[in-house]
Protein backbone atom coordinates (compact mmCIF):
# COMPACT_ATOMS: atom_id res chain seq x y z
CA UNK A 1 54.01 191.03 -6.22
CA UNK A 2 54.07 193.69 -3.47
CA UNK A 3 50.54 194.53 -2.05
CA UNK A 4 50.31 198.30 -2.34
CA UNK A 5 46.74 198.54 -0.92
CA UNK A 6 46.16 200.10 2.53
CA UNK A 7 43.14 199.63 4.81
CA UNK A 8 42.26 202.24 7.55
CA UNK A 9 42.70 199.50 10.15
CA UNK A 10 46.22 198.88 9.15
CA UNK A 11 47.13 202.52 9.85
CA UNK A 12 46.23 202.55 13.40
CA UNK A 13 48.38 202.38 16.53
CA UNK A 14 46.08 203.11 19.54
CA UNK A 15 47.04 205.44 22.41
CA UNK A 16 50.83 205.69 21.78
CA UNK A 17 53.21 208.52 21.75
CA UNK A 18 56.92 209.05 21.22
CA UNK A 19 59.33 211.92 21.92
CA UNK A 20 61.72 212.52 19.12
CA UNK A 21 64.63 214.96 18.69
CA UNK A 22 66.57 216.30 15.76
CA UNK A 23 70.26 217.33 16.27
CA UNK A 24 71.66 220.14 14.18
CA UNK A 25 75.42 220.27 13.68
CA UNK A 26 78.00 222.31 11.99
CA UNK A 27 80.20 219.30 11.00
CA UNK A 28 83.51 219.98 9.33
CA UNK A 29 86.66 217.96 8.54
CA UNK A 30 87.45 217.82 12.25
CA UNK A 31 86.14 214.35 13.10
CA UNK A 32 87.12 214.34 16.72
CA UNK A 33 85.29 217.76 17.23
CA UNK A 34 82.23 216.57 15.32
CA UNK A 35 81.91 213.44 17.46
CA UNK A 36 82.39 215.30 20.72
CA UNK A 37 79.65 217.91 19.70
CA UNK A 38 77.24 215.08 18.57
CA UNK A 39 77.70 213.14 21.73
CA UNK A 40 76.98 216.24 23.94
CA UNK A 41 73.86 217.03 22.07
CA UNK A 42 72.68 213.36 22.10
CA UNK A 43 73.10 213.28 25.85
CA UNK A 44 71.17 216.69 26.08
CA UNK A 45 68.31 215.39 23.91
CA UNK A 46 68.10 212.15 26.02
CA UNK A 47 68.00 214.26 29.23
CA UNK A 48 65.15 216.09 27.72
CA UNK A 49 63.25 212.81 27.42
CA UNK A 50 63.78 211.98 23.69
CA UNK A 51 63.37 208.37 22.91
CA UNK A 52 64.31 208.75 19.30
CA UNK A 53 67.20 210.98 18.40
CA UNK A 54 68.40 211.71 14.87
CA UNK A 55 71.78 213.05 13.71
CA UNK A 56 72.29 214.85 10.33
CA UNK A 57 73.80 213.62 7.11
CA UNK A 58 77.63 213.23 7.35
CA UNK A 59 77.57 214.09 10.93
CA UNK A 60 81.08 212.69 11.76
CA UNK A 61 82.85 214.30 8.71
CA UNK A 62 81.74 216.85 6.17
CA UNK A 63 84.43 217.65 3.63
CA UNK A 64 85.52 217.43 0.04
CA UNK A 65 84.92 214.13 -1.75
CA UNK A 66 88.55 212.83 -1.59
CA UNK A 67 88.76 213.72 2.11
CA UNK A 68 85.47 211.99 2.74
CA UNK A 69 86.81 208.91 1.04
CA UNK A 70 89.98 209.08 3.10
CA UNK A 71 87.92 209.31 6.32
CA UNK A 72 85.42 206.75 5.39
CA UNK A 73 84.79 204.02 7.91
CA UNK A 74 83.21 200.53 7.90
CA UNK A 75 80.05 199.96 9.95
CA UNK A 76 82.21 198.57 12.70
CA UNK A 77 84.52 201.47 12.75
CA UNK A 78 85.03 203.97 15.61
CA UNK A 79 82.25 206.35 14.77
CA UNK A 80 79.38 203.86 14.89
CA UNK A 81 80.99 201.96 17.70
CA UNK A 82 80.91 205.05 19.72
CA UNK A 83 77.28 205.82 18.79
CA UNK A 84 76.26 202.32 19.76
CA UNK A 85 77.83 202.96 23.21
CA UNK A 86 75.78 206.11 23.66
CA UNK A 87 72.49 204.20 22.94
CA UNK A 88 73.29 201.49 25.38
CA UNK A 89 74.20 203.94 28.07
CA UNK A 90 71.26 206.29 27.49
CA UNK A 91 68.61 203.64 26.53
CA UNK A 92 67.48 205.50 23.39
CA UNK A 93 67.04 204.86 19.66
CA UNK A 94 69.64 206.82 17.66
CA UNK A 95 69.52 207.42 13.95
CA UNK A 96 73.20 207.87 13.22
CA UNK A 97 72.46 210.33 10.47
CA UNK A 98 74.75 209.24 7.67
CA UNK A 99 78.44 208.55 7.50
CA UNK A 100 80.69 207.83 4.54
CA UNK A 101 80.83 204.00 4.57
CA UNK A 102 84.08 202.47 3.36
CA UNK A 103 83.67 199.78 0.67
CA UNK A 104 85.60 198.87 -2.33
CA UNK A 105 86.28 201.86 -4.66
CA UNK A 106 83.36 204.36 -4.16
CA UNK A 107 81.79 204.68 -0.77
CA UNK A 108 78.16 204.68 0.31
CA UNK A 109 76.35 207.44 2.11
CA UNK A 110 74.98 205.26 4.90
CA UNK A 111 72.48 205.87 7.64
CA UNK A 112 72.29 203.43 10.55
CA UNK A 113 69.34 202.99 13.05
CA UNK A 114 70.68 201.92 16.43
CA UNK A 115 68.46 200.40 19.15
CA UNK A 116 68.64 201.00 22.86
CA UNK A 117 70.77 197.85 23.34
CA UNK A 118 73.33 199.06 20.84
CA UNK A 119 72.18 196.75 18.13
CA UNK A 120 71.82 197.89 14.49
CA UNK A 121 68.04 197.80 13.65
CA UNK A 122 68.44 198.97 10.12
CA UNK A 123 71.10 200.11 7.59
CA UNK A 124 69.99 202.45 4.73
CA UNK A 125 72.30 203.50 1.85
CA UNK A 126 71.27 206.76 0.14
CA UNK A 127 69.55 206.01 -3.15
CA UNK A 128 69.68 209.38 -4.99
CA UNK A 129 73.08 210.91 -5.61
CA UNK A 130 73.36 214.80 -5.36
CA UNK A 131 74.73 215.67 -8.69
CA UNK A 132 73.62 219.28 -8.88
CA UNK A 133 74.74 222.72 -9.81
CA UNK A 134 73.45 225.29 -7.37
CA UNK A 135 74.52 228.38 -5.50
CA UNK A 136 77.56 228.67 -7.81
CA UNK A 137 78.90 225.22 -6.70
CA UNK A 138 79.00 222.00 -8.71
CA UNK A 139 78.03 219.09 -6.43
CA UNK A 140 78.98 215.62 -7.82
CA UNK A 141 78.27 213.08 -5.06
CA UNK A 142 78.53 210.22 -7.56
CA UNK A 143 82.18 210.97 -8.23
CA UNK A 144 83.05 209.49 -4.83
CA UNK A 145 79.86 207.63 -3.74
CA UNK A 146 77.59 205.05 -5.18
CA UNK A 147 73.84 204.81 -4.75
CA UNK A 148 72.15 202.17 -2.59
CA UNK A 149 69.29 200.12 -3.99
CA UNK A 150 67.14 199.11 -1.04
CA UNK A 151 64.17 200.85 0.60
CA UNK A 152 64.35 200.53 4.24
CA UNK A 153 61.84 200.50 7.19
CA UNK A 154 62.42 199.53 10.83
CA UNK A 155 60.51 199.42 14.13
CA UNK A 156 61.11 202.22 16.61
CA UNK A 157 59.04 201.59 19.79
CA UNK A 158 55.33 201.92 18.88
CA UNK A 159 55.90 202.89 15.21
CA UNK A 160 57.61 201.83 12.01
CA UNK A 161 60.21 204.43 10.72
CA UNK A 162 61.24 204.89 7.22
CA UNK A 163 64.79 205.94 6.30
CA UNK A 164 65.96 208.43 3.73
CA UNK A 165 68.91 210.96 3.33
CA UNK A 166 68.75 214.54 2.17
CA UNK A 167 68.38 214.70 -1.61
CA UNK A 168 66.00 211.75 -1.37
CA UNK A 169 63.49 214.34 -0.15
CA UNK A 170 62.87 215.41 -3.69
CA UNK A 171 61.64 211.96 -4.77
CA UNK A 172 58.09 211.56 -3.56
CA UNK A 173 57.67 207.98 -4.86
CA UNK A 174 60.23 206.90 -2.25
CA UNK A 175 58.27 208.44 0.57
CA UNK A 176 54.93 206.99 -0.70
CA UNK A 177 56.44 203.41 -0.83
CA UNK A 178 57.77 203.92 2.69
CA UNK A 179 54.22 204.94 3.82
CA UNK A 180 52.72 202.03 2.02
CA UNK A 181 55.08 199.69 3.87
CA UNK A 182 53.81 201.00 7.10
CA UNK A 183 56.12 204.02 8.03
CA UNK A 184 54.45 206.41 10.37
CA UNK A 185 57.64 208.47 10.68
CA UNK A 186 60.16 209.17 7.95
CA UNK A 187 63.69 210.44 8.79
CA UNK A 188 65.52 212.81 6.54
CA UNK A 189 69.00 213.39 7.93
CA UNK A 190 70.46 216.12 5.73
CA UNK A 191 73.18 218.54 4.70
CA UNK A 192 70.73 220.56 2.70
CA UNK A 193 72.33 223.49 1.01
CA UNK A 194 71.82 227.17 1.92
CA UNK A 195 70.98 228.05 -1.69
CA UNK A 196 68.12 225.57 -2.04
CA UNK A 197 67.15 225.49 1.56
CA UNK A 198 65.78 228.91 1.76
CA UNK A 199 62.98 228.08 -0.86
CA UNK A 200 62.61 224.41 -0.67
CA UNK A 201 63.47 222.88 2.67
CA UNK A 202 60.35 223.53 4.75
CA UNK A 203 58.04 223.25 1.67
CA UNK A 204 59.31 219.82 0.80
CA UNK A 205 59.27 218.61 4.42
CA UNK A 206 55.68 219.70 4.91
CA UNK A 207 54.62 218.30 1.43
CA UNK A 208 56.09 214.83 2.22
CA UNK A 209 54.47 214.76 5.58
CA UNK A 210 51.05 215.85 4.33
CA UNK A 211 51.07 213.56 1.30
CA UNK A 212 51.89 210.49 3.33
CA UNK A 213 50.31 211.50 6.59
CA UNK A 214 53.55 210.80 8.47
CA UNK A 215 55.83 212.54 10.93
CA UNK A 216 58.93 213.89 9.30
CA UNK A 217 62.06 214.02 11.45
CA UNK A 218 64.68 216.17 9.69
CA UNK A 219 68.01 216.94 11.28
CA UNK A 220 70.08 219.26 9.06
CA UNK A 221 73.60 220.60 8.99
CA UNK A 222 74.13 224.31 9.58
CA UNK A 223 76.79 226.85 8.62
CA UNK A 224 79.98 226.58 6.77
CA UNK A 225 82.28 223.58 6.15
CA UNK A 226 85.26 223.26 3.84
CA UNK A 227 85.85 223.39 0.93
CA UNK A 228 82.53 225.08 -0.19
CA UNK A 229 79.66 223.67 1.98
CA UNK A 230 77.07 226.18 3.20
CA UNK A 231 74.15 224.31 4.91
CA UNK A 232 70.77 225.79 5.65
CA UNK A 233 70.03 224.51 9.12
CA UNK A 234 66.40 224.94 10.34
CA UNK A 235 66.23 221.30 11.35
CA UNK A 236 62.61 220.42 11.92
CA UNK A 237 59.92 218.03 13.09
CA UNK A 238 56.70 218.05 11.08
CA UNK A 239 53.46 216.31 11.90
CA UNK A 240 51.04 214.45 9.58
CA UNK A 241 48.97 217.51 9.01
CA UNK A 242 51.99 219.46 7.90
CA UNK A 243 52.39 221.53 11.00
CA UNK A 244 56.02 222.22 12.06
CA UNK A 245 56.21 221.15 15.66
CA UNK A 246 59.79 222.12 16.19
CA UNK A 247 62.42 224.22 14.23
CA UNK A 248 66.03 224.89 15.10
CA UNK A 249 67.57 228.27 15.24
CA UNK A 250 70.86 228.95 13.30
CA UNK A 251 73.23 227.19 15.68
CA UNK A 252 74.32 223.67 16.83
CA UNK A 253 71.52 222.52 18.98
CA UNK A 254 68.71 220.04 19.24
CA UNK A 255 64.96 220.44 18.92
CA UNK A 256 62.44 217.97 20.26
CA UNK A 257 58.65 217.29 20.01
CA UNK A 258 56.09 214.74 21.27
CA UNK A 259 54.68 212.66 18.35
CA UNK A 260 51.02 212.06 19.09
CA UNK A 261 50.20 208.75 17.28
CA UNK A 262 46.59 208.98 18.32
CA UNK A 263 46.31 212.28 16.49
CA UNK A 264 47.97 210.72 13.48
CA UNK A 265 45.36 208.00 13.59
CA UNK A 266 42.61 210.74 13.63
CA UNK A 267 44.11 212.46 10.64
CA UNK A 268 44.29 209.28 8.67
CA UNK A 269 40.74 208.28 9.53
CA UNK A 270 39.08 211.66 8.90
CA UNK A 271 41.08 212.40 5.71
CA UNK A 272 41.83 208.81 4.46
CA UNK A 273 43.92 209.69 1.39
CA UNK A 274 46.21 206.74 1.94
CA UNK A 275 43.33 204.31 2.34
CA UNK A 276 41.53 205.93 -0.69
CA UNK A 277 44.45 205.22 -3.07
CA UNK A 278 43.79 203.12 -6.29
CA UNK A 279 47.20 201.33 -6.78
CA UNK A 280 45.71 199.17 -9.57
CA UNK A 281 45.56 202.14 -11.75
CA UNK A 282 49.05 203.50 -11.11
CA UNK A 283 51.52 202.10 -13.88
CA UNK A 284 54.97 203.45 -14.61
CA UNK A 285 55.07 204.74 -18.28
CA UNK A 286 57.61 202.18 -19.45
CA UNK A 287 55.58 199.40 -17.97
CA UNK A 288 52.48 200.77 -19.73
CA UNK A 289 54.35 201.00 -23.04
CA UNK A 290 55.50 197.24 -22.66
CA UNK A 291 51.89 196.10 -22.05
CA UNK A 292 50.61 197.93 -25.27
């Protein structure tokens, strides 16, 4: 049985800080161009002092489902091999947003956290499939991709990071489990749509940060991509109080912020909502019915 309790002492990392950056891209079906732009911005963010750099969802290829499948790569393929080379050269942690991972039949939407030595620290496969009708477009992610089944955290310097992708943002139970497992930062690489982003993007990012008293690192796609993608942009970094520390303009760029872990400790100590949880009273309805 998983211990879902949290003590205030378990939430503390004394006197630590980390500079993080979110890279905003307008990825399309031109993979070579996408990688070149990503590399340039990763280098710029590293030169700005970022120790953790995050790329958006499907940063190497954003296209229709059949084209995504055709361009899918294994984890040892050219895209992630290039990304590992950047981290070794620059000495940074890089969250390789997500790529379409080649497996049998349907692909996975896969995010890889790469360490400064070029080693894979964590692999997360998107759990929630974006099967939604919005903005006059029918999105059916499950037609070409399959959901992952593992909740993933990994160490990044002085903190533990939790991994999610885009549509996962709408499922607060995933974020709470990541926080309970020790995440102090949760990454949300995204291709959040223009139609939903206007009303929901910042609200959801801030809500997940406040609820779980975590930093949220949210690199997003921006602009148009074939055949019908229109992404909201506004990549952001949010602190555990819900303050937006950095927000991107409507262009390809990076934004960065210093994550003050001592201030996070203070927030969690003075407003101890995580420590005050009562997990013994939380039972999923179907389990409650089974016990009756």
